[in-house]
Protein backbone atom coordinates (compact mmCIF):
# COMPACT_ATOMS: atom_id res chain seq x y z
CA MET A 1 96.45 106.80 21.47
CA ILE A 2 99.90 104.31 20.44
CA GLU A 3 98.34 100.76 19.88
CA ALA A 4 100.77 98.26 21.48
CA ASN A 5 101.03 96.60 18.67
CA SER A 6 102.30 99.42 16.58
CA ARG A 7 105.64 99.97 15.51
CA GLU A 8 105.86 103.34 17.31
CA PRO A 9 107.21 102.91 21.02
CA VAL A 10 104.72 103.78 23.53
CA GLN A 11 106.64 106.43 25.70
CA SER A 12 108.41 109.26 23.58
CA GLN A 13 112.03 109.05 24.59
CA ARG A 14 115.33 109.76 23.43
CA GLU A 15 118.83 108.26 23.94
CA SER A 16 121.55 110.80 25.42
CA HIS A 17 125.12 109.24 25.97
CA ARG A 18 127.41 111.56 28.11
CA VAL A 19 130.65 111.31 29.08
CA LEU A 20 131.45 111.33 32.86
CA ASP A 21 135.08 110.96 34.35
CA ARG A 22 135.85 107.92 36.05
CA GLN A 23 135.04 109.96 39.80
CA ARG A 24 131.94 110.84 38.65
CA PHE A 25 131.00 107.46 37.39
CA ALA A 26 132.13 105.72 40.38
CA ALA A 27 130.53 107.92 42.66
CA LEU A 28 127.01 107.37 40.34
CA ASP A 29 127.28 103.88 40.69
CA ARG A 30 127.82 103.83 44.37
CA HIS A 31 125.07 106.04 44.82
CA THR A 32 122.45 104.30 42.26
CA GLU A 33 123.20 101.04 43.96
CA ALA A 34 122.65 101.86 47.46
CA LEU A 35 119.52 104.05 46.32
CA GLY A 36 118.32 100.97 44.40
CA LEU A 37 117.91 102.79 41.29
CA SER A 38 119.48 102.20 37.51
CA CYS A 39 121.91 104.67 36.53
CA SER A 40 119.70 106.43 34.41
CA ALA A 41 116.17 106.78 36.80
CA PHE A 42 118.81 108.74 38.78
CA VAL A 43 120.36 110.84 36.09
CA ARG A 44 116.73 111.49 35.03
CA ASP A 45 115.59 112.89 38.00
CA ALA A 46 118.33 115.01 38.60
CA VAL A 47 117.90 117.14 35.44
CA GLY A 48 114.53 116.71 36.28
CA ARG A 49 115.73 118.85 39.57
CA GLU A 50 118.25 121.17 37.77
CA LEU A 51 115.58 122.15 35.27
CA ARG A 52 113.27 122.95 37.89
CA ARG A 53 115.67 124.79 39.77
CA GLN A 54 116.94 126.84 36.51
CA GLU A 55 113.12 127.49 35.86
CA ILE A 56 112.40 128.87 39.71
CA LYS A 57 115.81 130.72 39.43
CA ASP A 58 114.56 132.85 36.38
CA LEU A 59 111.03 133.43 37.46
CA ASP A 60 112.81 134.82 40.55
CA ARG A 61 114.93 136.72 38.56
CA ARG A 62 112.03 138.04 35.75
CA TYR A 63 109.78 139.00 39.32
CA ARG A 64 112.59 141.24 40.99
CA GLU A 65 113.65 142.91 37.34
CA GLY A 66 109.62 143.85 37.19
CA TYR A 67 109.85 145.08 40.71
CA GLU A 68 112.78 146.65 39.94
CA LYS A 69 111.17 148.49 36.51
CA PHE A 70 107.37 149.29 38.07
CA PRO A 71 107.88 149.45 42.18
CA VAL A 72 105.87 149.49 44.72
CA GLU A 73 104.25 153.09 45.15
CA PRO A 74 104.12 154.11 48.62
CA GLY A 75 100.17 152.83 50.04
CA GLU A 76 99.76 150.49 46.89
CA PHE A 77 98.85 147.87 49.16
CA ASP A 78 97.35 150.20 52.39
CA LEU A 79 94.33 148.11 53.35
CA GLU A 80 91.21 150.04 54.79
CA ALA A 81 90.61 149.37 58.42
CA ASP A 82 87.51 147.73 58.46
CA THR A 83 89.83 144.74 55.55
CA GLU A 84 92.44 144.49 58.09
CA SER A 85 90.82 141.79 60.36
CA TRP A 86 88.51 138.73 59.82
CA PRO A 87 84.61 139.27 59.35
CA GLU A 88 82.23 138.98 62.65
CA TRP A 89 79.89 135.56 61.40
């Protein structure tokens, strides 16, 4: 744990400078003001959502490739007649 009076930052963050065209920058300002967010918070959230979207897209691709490489065999997921319904209590 990092102590508050140490020279190390409490949270590990890196600063990033990126260039936006005027239209995107103006839109960013309008949206963040309307939402009551800072530009930094908005961009952090947007990047987080996009990274998660890309992760899900990659997982979908990996699942698809797995089933293409090892297709389901006929009967592989067939259930016995006694396991097709909930048990009687």
